[in-house]
C-alpha atoms as a PDB file:
ATOM      1  CA  MET A   1     -34.463  11.836 -56.172  1.00  0.00           C
ATOM      2  CA  TRP A   2     -37.540  11.314 -53.525  1.00  0.00           C
ATOM      3  CA  PRO A   3     -34.497   9.948 -50.546  1.00  0.00           C
ATOM      4  CA  ARG A   4     -32.296  13.338 -51.478  1.00  0.00           C
ATOM      5  CA  LEU A   5     -35.672  15.333 -51.142  1.00  0.00           C
ATOM      6  CA  LEU A   6     -36.519  13.577 -47.538  1.00  0.00           C
ATOM      7  CA  GLU A   7     -33.705  14.470 -45.897  1.00  0.00           C
ATOM      8  CA  TRP A   8     -33.972  17.822 -46.965  1.00  0.00           C
ATOM      9  CA  CYS A   9     -37.676  18.283 -45.733  1.00  0.00           C
ATOM     10  CA  ALA A  10     -36.061  16.606 -42.575  1.00  0.00           C
ATOM     11  CA  ASP A  11     -33.000  18.584 -42.590  1.00  0.00           C
ATOM     12  CA  VAL A  12     -35.102  21.721 -42.506  1.00  0.00           C
ATOM     13  CA  LEU A  13     -36.942  20.703 -38.871  1.00  0.00           C
ATOM     14  CA  ALA A  14     -33.132  19.632 -37.560  1.00  0.00           C
ATOM     15  CA  GLY A  15     -33.972  16.454 -37.679  1.00  0.00           C
ATOM     16  CA  THR A  16     -30.836  15.022 -39.512  1.00  0.00           C
ATOM     17  CA  ASN A  17     -26.756  15.697 -38.653  1.00  0.00           C
ATOM     18  CA  ARG A  18     -26.049  17.980 -41.326  1.00  0.00           C
ATOM     19  CA  LYS A  19     -24.158  20.659 -39.596  1.00  0.00           C
ATOM     20  CA  ASN A  20     -25.234  23.630 -41.676  1.00  0.00           C
ATOM     21  CA  ARG A  21     -28.881  22.868 -41.223  1.00  0.00           C
ATOM     22  CA  ALA A  22     -29.331  25.920 -39.321  1.00  0.00           C
ATOM     23  CA  TRP A  23     -29.443  27.699 -42.985  1.00  0.00           C
ATOM     24  CA  THR A  24     -30.483  25.177 -44.495  1.00  0.00           C
ATOM     25  CA  ALA A  25     -33.640  25.976 -41.881  1.00  0.00           C
ATOM     26  CA  THR A  26     -33.355  30.078 -42.278  1.00  0.00           C
ATOM     27  CA  LEU A  27     -33.392  29.852 -45.661  1.00  0.00           C
ATOM     28  CA  SER A  28     -36.229  27.545 -45.805  1.00  0.00           C
ATOM     29  CA  PHE A  29     -38.608  29.236 -43.561  1.00  0.00           C
ATOM     30  CA  LEU A  30     -37.921  32.662 -45.365  1.00  0.00           C
ATOM     31  CA  GLY A  31     -38.534  31.358 -48.513  1.00  0.00           C
ATOM     32  CA  ALA A  32     -41.538  29.555 -47.595  1.00  0.00           C
ATOM     33  CA  PHE A  33     -42.476  33.044 -45.673  1.00  0.00           C
ATOM     34  CA  ALA A  34     -42.242  35.248 -49.100  1.00  0.00           C
ATOM     35  CA  LEU A  35     -43.887  32.382 -50.452  1.00  0.00           C
ATOM     36  CA  THR A  36     -47.113  32.388 -48.691  1.00  0.00           C
ATOM     37  CA  ILE A  37     -46.965  36.210 -48.742  1.00  0.00           C
ATOM     38  CA  VAL A  38     -47.127  36.450 -53.208  1.00  0.00           C
ATOM     39  CA  LEU A  39     -49.158  33.667 -52.994  1.00  0.00           C
ATOM     40  CA  LEU A  40     -51.518  34.836 -50.448  1.00  0.00           C
ATOM     41  CA  ALA A  41     -51.620  38.451 -52.437  1.00  0.00           C
ATOM     42  CA  ARG A  42     -51.919  36.891 -55.931  1.00  0.00           C
ATOM     43  CA  TRP A  43     -55.079  33.520 -54.844  1.00  0.00           C
ATOM     44  CA  GLY A  44     -56.243  34.435 -51.964  1.00  0.00           C
ATOM     45  CA  ILE A  45     -56.699  31.813 -49.254  1.00  0.00           C
ATOM     46  CA  GLU A  46     -56.769  29.139 -51.482  1.00  0.00           C
ATOM     47  CA  GLY A  47     -52.932  30.506 -52.743  1.00  0.00           C
ATOM     48  CA  LEU A  48     -51.992  28.575 -49.266  1.00  0.00           C
ATOM     49  CA  VAL A  49     -52.839  25.134 -50.268  1.00  0.00           C
ATOM     50  CA  PRO A  50     -49.301  24.151 -51.550  1.00  0.00           C
ATOM     51  CA  VAL A  51     -47.684  25.668 -48.700  1.00  0.00           C
ATOM     52  CA  ALA A  52     -49.923  23.631 -46.658  1.00  0.00           C
ATOM     53  CA  ILE A  53     -49.849  20.571 -48.810  1.00  0.00           C
ATOM     54  CA  VAL A  54     -45.012  21.692 -48.535  1.00  0.00           C
ATOM     55  CA  PHE A  55     -45.375  21.724 -44.713  1.00  0.00           C
ATOM     56  CA  ALA A  56     -47.409  18.963 -44.200  1.00  0.00           C
ATOM     57  CA  PHE A  57     -44.558  16.498 -46.382  1.00  0.00           C
ATOM     58  CA  THR A  58     -42.110  18.215 -44.036  1.00  0.00           C
ATOM     59  CA  LEU A  59     -43.783  17.034 -41.137  1.00  0.00           C
ATOM     60  CA  ASN A  60     -44.308  13.985 -42.063  1.00  0.00           C
ATOM     61  CA  ALA A  61     -40.448  13.689 -43.514  1.00  0.00           C
ATOM     62  CA  ALA A  62     -39.743  14.729 -39.917  1.00  0.00           C
ATOM     63  CA  ARG A  63     -41.403  12.814 -37.849  1.00  0.00           C
ATOM     64  CA  ASP A  64     -40.813   9.512 -39.841  1.00  0.00           C
ATOM     65  CA  VAL A  65     -36.536  10.289 -38.659  1.00  0.00           C
ATOM     66  CA  PHE A  66     -37.594  11.801 -35.378  1.00  0.00           C
ATOM     67  CA  ALA A  67     -39.372   8.502 -34.637  1.00  0.00           C
ATOM     68  CA  ALA A  68     -36.746   6.029 -36.502  1.00  0.00           C
ATOM     69  CA  ARG A  69     -34.588   8.013 -34.440  1.00  0.00           C
ATOM     70  CA  ASP A  70     -36.608   7.518 -30.811  1.00  0.00           C
ATOM     71  CA  GLY A  71     -37.198   2.962 -32.510  1.00  0.00           C
ATOM     72  CA  MET A  72     -33.378   3.324 -32.201  1.00  0.00           C
ATOM     73  CA  TRP A  73     -32.736   4.154 -28.036  1.00  0.00           C
ATOM     74  CA  ARG A  74     -35.879   2.180 -26.933  1.00  0.00           C
ATOM     75  CA  ALA A  75     -34.470  -1.499 -28.666  1.00  0.00           C
ATOM     76  CA  ALA A  76     -30.917  -0.021 -27.361  1.00  0.00           C
ATOM     77  CA  MET A  77     -32.031   1.047 -24.032  1.00  0.00           C
ATOM     78  CA  LEU A  78     -35.745  -1.023 -22.742  1.00  0.00           C
ATOM     79  CA  PRO A  79     -35.501  -4.616 -21.471  1.00  0.00           C
ATOM     80  CA  LEU A  80     -35.689  -7.149 -24.200  1.00  0.00           C
ATOM     81  CA  GLU A  81     -39.362  -8.865 -22.973  1.00  0.00           C
ATOM     82  CA  ASN A  82     -40.281  -4.763 -23.140  1.00  0.00           C
ATOM     83  CA  ALA A  83     -42.880  -5.092 -26.277  1.00  0.00           C
ATOM     84  CA  ARG A  84     -41.864  -1.356 -27.433  1.00  0.00           C
ATOM     85  CA  GLN A  85     -38.070  -2.792 -27.511  1.00  0.00           C
ATOM     86  CA  ARG A  86     -38.093  -4.028 -31.009  1.00  0.00           C
ATOM     87  CA  PRO A  87     -37.847  -1.398 -33.661  1.00  0.00           C
ATOM     88  CA  ALA A  88     -40.497  -1.030 -36.071  1.00  0.00           C
ATOM     89  CA  GLY A  89     -38.563  -0.251 -39.773  1.00  0.00           C
ATOM     90  CA  HIS A  90     -39.662   1.521 -42.348  1.00  0.00           C
ATOM     91  CA  ALA A  91     -41.993  -0.417 -44.982  1.00  0.00           C
ATOM     92  CA  ASP A  92     -40.321   0.437 -48.673  1.00  0.00           C
ATOM     93  CA  GLU A  93     -36.738   2.047 -47.562  1.00  0.00           C
ATOM     94  CA  ARG A  94     -36.731   3.606 -51.287  1.00  0.00           C
ATOM     95  CA  TYR A  95     -39.617   6.249 -49.395  1.00  0.00           C
ATOM     96  CA  ALA A  96     -37.364   7.129 -46.430  1.00  0.00           C
ATOM     97  CA  ALA A  97     -35.399   9.776 -45.792  1.00  0.00           C
ATOM     98  CA  PRO A  98     -30.859   8.419 -45.833  1.00  0.00           C
ATOM     99  CA  THR A  99     -31.056   9.535 -42.012  1.00  0.00           C
ATOM    100  CA  ALA A 100     -34.754   7.790 -41.049  1.00  0.00           C
ATOM    101  CA  VAL A 101     -32.578   4.414 -42.864  1.00  0.00           C
ATOM    102  CA  ALA A 102     -29.474   4.458 -41.201  1.00  0.00           C
ATOM    103  CA  LEU A 103     -31.171   4.956 -37.821  1.00  0.00           C
ATOM    104  CA  ASN A 104     -34.153   2.275 -38.681  1.00  0.00           C
ATOM    105  CA  ARG A 105     -30.452  -0.062 -39.814  1.00  0.00           C
ATOM    106  CA  LEU A 106     -29.354   0.792 -36.065  1.00  0.00           C
ATOM    107  CA  ALA A 107     -31.846   0.114 -34.694  1.00  0.00           C
ATOM    108  CA  ALA A 108     -32.388  -3.465 -35.848  1.00  0.00           C
ATOM    109  CA  ALA A 109     -28.504  -3.962 -35.748  1.00  0.00           C
ATOM    110  CA  ALA A 110     -28.921  -2.910 -31.436  1.00  0.00           C
ATOM    111  CA  ASP A 111     -31.862  -5.160 -30.913  1.00  0.00           C
ATOM    112  CA  ALA A 112     -30.120  -8.588 -32.872  1.00  0.00           C
ATOM    113  CA  ALA A 113     -27.054  -7.524 -31.261  1.00  0.00           C
ATOM    114  CA  ARG A 114     -28.627  -7.729 -28.027  1.00  0.00           C
ATOM    115  CA  ARG A 115     -30.815 -10.179 -28.295  1.00  0.00           C
ATOM    116  CA  GLY A 116     -27.327 -12.551 -28.981  1.00  0.00           C
ATOM    117  CA  ARG A 117     -28.314 -12.775 -33.103  1.00  0.00           C
ATOM    118  CA  TYR A 118     -25.006 -11.304 -34.069  1.00  0.00           C
ATOM    119  CA  THR A 119     -24.727 -13.127 -37.329  1.00  0.00           C
ATOM    120  CA  ASP A 120     -27.993 -10.293 -37.678  1.00  0.00           C
ATOM    121  CA  ALA A 121     -26.145  -7.720 -36.313  1.00  0.00           C
ATOM    122  CA  ASN A 122     -23.398  -7.933 -38.217  1.00  0.00           C
ATOM    123  CA  GLU A 123     -24.623  -7.685 -41.906  1.00  0.00           C
ATOM    124  CA  LEU A 124     -26.708  -5.183 -40.898  1.00  0.00           C
ATOM    125  CA  VAL A 125     -23.587  -2.639 -39.739  1.00  0.00           C
ATOM    126  CA  PRO A 126     -21.831  -1.800 -43.026  1.00  0.00           C
ATOM    127  CA  LEU A 127     -25.333  -0.899 -44.374  1.00  0.00           C
ATOM    128  CA  VAL A 128     -25.446   1.678 -41.390  1.00  0.00           C
ATOM    129  CA  SER A 129     -24.426   4.928 -43.496  1.00  0.00           C
ATOM    130  CA  ARG A 130     -21.554   6.501 -40.307  1.00  0.00           C
ATOM    131  CA  GLU A 131     -21.676  10.354 -41.861  1.00  0.00           C
ATOM    132  CA  LEU A 132     -25.661  10.856 -41.149  1.00  0.00           C
ATOM    133  CA  LEU A 133     -24.792   9.765 -37.220  1.00  0.00           C
ATOM    134  CA  ARG A 134     -25.080  12.414 -34.507  1.00  0.00           C
ATOM    135  CA  PRO A 135     -21.837  11.411 -32.381  1.00  0.00           C
ATOM    136  CA  ASP A 136     -23.838   9.838 -29.175  1.00  0.00           C
ATOM    137  CA  GLU A 137     -25.669   7.577 -32.177  1.00  0.00           C
ATOM    138  CA  LEU A 138     -21.659   6.773 -33.505  1.00  0.00           C
ATOM    139  CA  GLY A 139     -21.057   5.244 -30.230  1.00  0.00           C
ATOM    140  CA  LEU A 140     -23.928   3.003 -30.365  1.00  0.00           C
ATOM    141  CA  LEU A 141     -23.150   1.601 -33.949  1.00  0.00           C
ATOM    142  CA  ASP A 142     -19.956   1.315 -31.929  1.00  0.00           C
ATOM    143  CA  ALA A 143     -21.204  -0.037 -29.050  1.00  0.00           C
ATOM    144  CA  VAL A 144     -23.121  -2.906 -31.264  1.00  0.00           C
ATOM    145  CA  ARG A 145     -19.835  -3.640 -33.046  1.00  0.00           C
ATOM    146  CA  SER A 146     -18.093  -4.277 -29.973  1.00  0.00           C
ATOM    147  CA  MET A 147     -20.869  -6.898 -28.938  1.00  0.00           C
ATOM    148  CA  ILE A 148     -20.899  -8.869 -32.266  1.00  0.00           C
ATOM    149  CA  CYS A 149     -16.947  -9.399 -31.744  1.00  0.00           C
ATOM    150  CA  LEU A 150     -17.836 -10.129 -27.976  1.00  0.00           C
ATOM    151  CA  GLY A 151     -20.259 -12.778 -29.475  1.00  0.00           C
ATOM    152  CA  LEU A 152     -18.060 -14.731 -31.911  1.00  0.00           C
ATOM    153  CA  GLY A 153     -14.697 -14.154 -29.154  1.00  0.00           C
ATOM    154  CA  ASP A 154     -12.635 -11.670 -30.692  1.00  0.00           C
ATOM    155  CA  VAL A 155     -12.587  -9.880 -26.891  1.00  0.00           C
ATOM    156  CA  ARG A 156      -9.900  -8.210 -27.928  1.00  0.00           C
ATOM    157  CA  ARG A 157     -10.796  -6.332 -30.691  1.00  0.00           C
ATOM    158  CA  ALA A 158     -13.993  -5.711 -29.331  1.00  0.00           C
ATOM    159  CA  ALA A 159     -12.581  -3.770 -25.829  1.00  0.00           C
ATOM    160  CA  GLN A 160     -10.709  -1.703 -28.603  1.00  0.00           C
ATOM    161  CA  LEU A 161     -13.783  -1.150 -30.064  1.00  0.00           C
ATOM    162  CA  ALA A 162     -15.763  -0.203 -26.405  1.00  0.00           C
ATOM    163  CA  VAL A 163     -13.126   1.911 -25.427  1.00  0.00           C
ATOM    164  CA  LEU A 164     -14.198   4.334 -28.188  1.00  0.00           C
ATOM    165  CA  ALA A 165     -18.159   3.728 -27.800  1.00  0.00           C
ATOM    166  CA  LEU A 166     -18.543   3.599 -23.809  1.00  0.00           C
ATOM    167  CA  PRO A 167     -20.958   5.005 -22.160  1.00  0.00           C
ATOM    168  CA  THR A 168     -24.046   4.647 -24.091  1.00  0.00           C
ATOM    169  CA  GLY A 169     -26.278   5.341 -21.403  1.00  0.00           C
ATOM    170  CA  ALA A 170     -28.070   1.263 -22.343  1.00  0.00           C
ATOM    171  CA  ASP A 171     -27.358   0.153 -19.303  1.00  0.00           C
ATOM    172  CA  ASP A 172     -27.012  -3.750 -20.356  1.00  0.00           C
ATOM    173  CA  ILE A 173     -24.669  -2.485 -23.059  1.00  0.00           C
ATOM    174  CA  ASP A 174     -22.180  -0.930 -21.618  1.00  0.00           C
ATOM    175  CA  ALA A 175     -21.989  -3.983 -18.830  1.00  0.00           C
ATOM    176  CA  ALA A 176     -20.823  -6.251 -21.039  1.00  0.00           C
ATOM    177  CA  LEU A 177     -18.387  -3.481 -22.881  1.00  0.00           C
ATOM    178  CA  GLY A 178     -17.534  -1.982 -20.077  1.00  0.00           C
ATOM    179  CA  ARG A 179     -16.844  -5.470 -18.083  1.00  0.00           C
ATOM    180  CA  ALA A 180     -14.636  -6.762 -21.467  1.00  0.00           C
ATOM    181  CA  VAL A 181     -12.594  -3.274 -21.148  1.00  0.00           C
ATOM    182  CA  ILE A 182     -11.553  -4.126 -18.050  1.00  0.00           C
ATOM    183  CA  ALA A 183     -10.982  -7.810 -18.882  1.00  0.00           C
ATOM    184  CA  ASP A 184      -8.610  -6.846 -20.994  1.00  0.00           C
ATOM    185  CA  ALA A 185      -6.377  -4.083 -19.656  1.00  0.00           C
ATOM    186  CA  TRP A 186      -6.580  -5.812 -16.195  1.00  0.00           C
ATOM    187  CA  GLY A 187      -2.791  -6.996 -16.563  1.00  0.00           C
ATOM    188  CA  ASP A 188      -1.915  -3.629 -17.499  1.00  0.00           C
ATOM    189  CA  PRO A 189      -2.429  -1.654 -14.420  1.00  0.00           C
ATOM    190  CA  ASP A 190      -0.903   2.313 -17.014  1.00  0.00           C
ATOM    191  CA  ARG A 191      -3.767   0.951 -19.477  1.00  0.00           C
ATOM    192  CA  LEU A 192      -6.308   0.461 -16.561  1.00  0.00           C
ATOM    193  CA  ALA A 193      -5.531   4.473 -15.306  1.00  0.00           C
ATOM    194  CA  ALA A 194      -6.268   4.915 -18.624  1.00  0.00           C
ATOM    195  CA  VAL A 195      -9.888   3.721 -19.001  1.00  0.00           C
ATOM    196  CA  ASP A 196     -10.492   5.436 -15.681  1.00  0.00           C
ATOM    197  CA  SER A 197      -9.515   8.605 -16.953  1.00  0.00           C
ATOM    198  CA  ALA A 198     -11.483   8.672 -19.782  1.00  0.00           C
ATOM    199  CA  TRP A 199     -14.758   7.411 -18.451  1.00  0.00           C
ATOM    200  CA  GLY A 200     -14.123  10.039 -15.871  1.00  0.00           C
ATOM    201  CA  GLU A 201     -14.055  12.358 -18.942  1.00  0.00           C
ATOM    202  CA  ALA A 202     -16.891  10.815 -20.354  1.00  0.00           C
ATOM    203  CA  GLY A 203     -19.361  11.748 -17.266  1.00  0.00           C
ATOM    204  CA  VAL A 204     -18.404   8.439 -15.393  1.00  0.00           C
ATOM    205  CA  GLU A 205     -19.357   9.341 -11.898  1.00  0.00           C
ATOM    206  CA  ALA A 206     -16.919   6.893  -9.728  1.00  0.00           C
ATOM    207  CA  SER A 207     -19.193   7.338  -7.214  1.00  0.00           C
ATOM    208  CA  GLY A 208     -22.415   5.985  -9.123  1.00  0.00           C
ATOM    209  CA  ASP A 209     -24.519   3.003  -8.646  1.00  0.00           C
ATOM    210  CA  GLY A 210     -24.177   1.473 -12.396  1.00  0.00           C
ATOM    211  CA  THR A 211     -22.026  -1.026 -12.974  1.00  0.00           C
ATOM    212  CA  LEU A 212     -19.222   1.419 -15.148  1.00  0.00           C
ATOM    213  CA  PRO A 213     -19.327   3.120 -12.001  1.00  0.00           C
ATOM    214  CA  ARG A 214     -18.871   0.713  -9.840  1.00  0.00           C
ATOM    215  CA  LEU A 215     -15.926  -0.881 -12.674  1.00  0.00           C
ATOM    216  CA  ARG A 216     -14.243   2.883 -11.999  1.00  0.00           C
ATOM    217  CA  ARG A 217     -14.078   2.233  -7.900  1.00  0.00           C
ATOM    218  CA  LEU A 218     -12.688  -1.528  -8.825  1.00  0.00           C
ATOM    219  CA  THR A 219     -10.201  -0.224 -11.610  1.00  0.00           C
ATOM    220  CA  ARG A 220      -8.770   1.970  -8.945  1.00  0.00           C
ATOM    221  CA  LEU A 221      -8.175  -1.335  -6.574  1.00  0.00           C
ATOM    222  CA  ARG A 222      -6.538  -2.937  -8.558  1.00  0.00           C
ATOM    223  CA  ILE A 223      -4.170   0.135  -9.621  1.00  0.00           C
ATOM    224  CA  ASP A 224      -3.611   0.752  -5.769  1.00  0.00           C
ATOM    225  CA  ALA A 225      -4.297  -2.380  -3.445  1.00  0.00           C
ATOM    226  CA  GLY A 226      -3.687  -0.171  -0.813  1.00  0.00           C
ATOM    227  CA  MET A 227      -6.897   1.119  -1.181  1.00  0.00           C
ATOM    228  CA  LEU A 228      -8.708  -2.252  -0.301  1.00  0.00           C
ATOM    229  CA  GLU A 229      -8.916  -0.770   3.404  1.00  0.00           C
ATOM    230  CA  HIS A 230     -11.347   2.202   2.406  1.00  0.00           C
ATOM    231  CA  VAL A 231     -13.981  -0.489   1.251  1.00  0.00           C
ATOM    232  CA  GLY A 232     -17.014  -0.117   2.659  1.00  0.00           C
ATOM    233  CA  PRO A 233     -18.539  -3.424   3.503  1.00  0.00           C
ATOM    234  CA  ALA A 234     -21.614  -3.082   1.352  1.00  0.00           C
ATOM    235  CA  ASP A 235     -19.382  -1.327  -1.358  1.00  0.00           C
ATOM    236  CA  ALA A 236     -17.519  -4.146  -1.421  1.00  0.00           C
ATOM    237  CA  ALA A 237     -19.980  -7.022  -1.672  1.00  0.00           C
ATOM    238  CA  VAL A 238     -20.712  -5.813  -4.632  1.00  0.00           C
ATOM    239  CA  LEU A 239     -17.384  -4.809  -6.296  1.00  0.00           C
ATOM    240  CA  SER A 240     -17.045  -8.305  -5.635  1.00  0.00           C
ATOM    241  CA  ASP A 241     -19.385  -9.439  -8.120  1.00  0.00           C
ATOM    242  CA  GLU A 242     -17.794  -7.573 -10.123  1.00  0.00           C
ATOM    243  CA  ALA A 243     -14.056  -9.001  -9.756  1.00  0.00           C
ATOM    244  CA  ARG A 244     -15.545 -12.701 -10.374  1.00  0.00           C
ATOM    245  CA  ALA A 245     -17.977 -11.021 -13.205  1.00  0.00           C
ATOM    246  CA  ILE A 246     -13.994 -10.006 -14.910  1.00  0.00           C
ATOM    247  CA  GLY A 247     -12.460 -12.884 -13.878  1.00  0.00           C
ATOM    248  CA  ASP A 248     -10.207 -12.409 -11.033  1.00  0.00           C
ATOM    249  CA  GLU A 249     -11.710 -14.759  -7.534  1.00  0.00           C
ATOM    250  CA  GLU A 250      -8.597 -13.814  -5.588  1.00  0.00           C
ATOM    251  CA  LEU A 251      -9.934  -9.939  -5.654  1.00  0.00           C
ATOM    252  CA  ALA A 252     -13.286 -11.150  -5.311  1.00  0.00           C
ATOM    253  CA  SER A 253     -12.664 -13.237  -2.076  1.00  0.00           C
ATOM    254  CA  GLU A 254     -11.239 -10.391  -0.585  1.00  0.00           C
ATOM    255  CA  LEU A 255     -14.209  -8.596  -0.527  1.00  0.00           C
ATOM    256  CA  GLY A 256     -16.458 -10.822  -0.325  1.00  0.00           C
ATOM    257  CA  ALA A 257     -14.479 -11.600   3.186  1.00  0.00           C
ATOM    258  CA  LEU A 258     -14.820  -7.994   3.734  1.00  0.00           C
ATOM    259  CA  ALA A 259     -18.239  -8.161   2.983  1.00  0.00           C
ATOM    260  CA  ARG A 260     -18.855 -11.373   5.124  1.00  0.00           C
ATOM    261  CA  ARG A 261     -17.554  -9.280   8.536  1.00  0.00           C
ATOM    262  CA  SER A 262     -20.573  -7.437   8.755  1.00  0.00           C
ATOM    263  CA  GLY A 263     -23.068  -9.955   7.408  1.00  0.00           C
ATOM    264  CA  THR A 264     -23.510  -7.743   4.454  1.00  0.00           C
ATOM    265  CA  TYR A 265     -22.581 -10.508   1.661  1.00  0.00           C
ATOM    266  CA  ARG A 266     -24.074 -14.380   1.917  1.00  0.00           C
END
């Protein structure tokens, strides 16, 4: 009963994933307004005390969910040496809204996966309620599952999950999983083209500086080797490193030679 009440309170302030939360918020505020008028008319200013208590309770429940969401993204995106990266969690899950619990567990799983504690992360993932997560949070959960598979040596399964998860917005996660996806599909131009198209639809620009944009450019070189002559020396240097990271030493050497011709690459 207590967690459901907290979830409803967080829902009123749009902290949860419920699709009908706009109705919940509207009805709750209308009800609170009507109750305020009645209490104020009956007991004067003292009649507002119960309303103030309920309002404070609602704010606190919503604050916990928002704090859990912020903590989850800090755990996924901040550098591991940053003191704010480690998730704080919640003192007692019995007194937290289910959405806050799910987000705190996801934060702990992301932190464990990023630190290479794959067994710990694997134990946490099944405890995260998917139905309580928003789409971007579901993407992070799938990314964590992919990192676990990658860390435990199941590269094919990691690549399958990563296709669903990317991009997450977390640079080191996207780099590791993006390379796993491309390496797994490297021998199949059709799969590479499908991955390239999916990343484009997800908003990954091929001209960007991040790992996924570089991998999109590298993918196109694999699909059409004739594009190699149009690669600039500076870009050839960074693409050479990406090719080596996914295991194509031949292409890495070609790109390295292209970069060295202008003194860009050592």
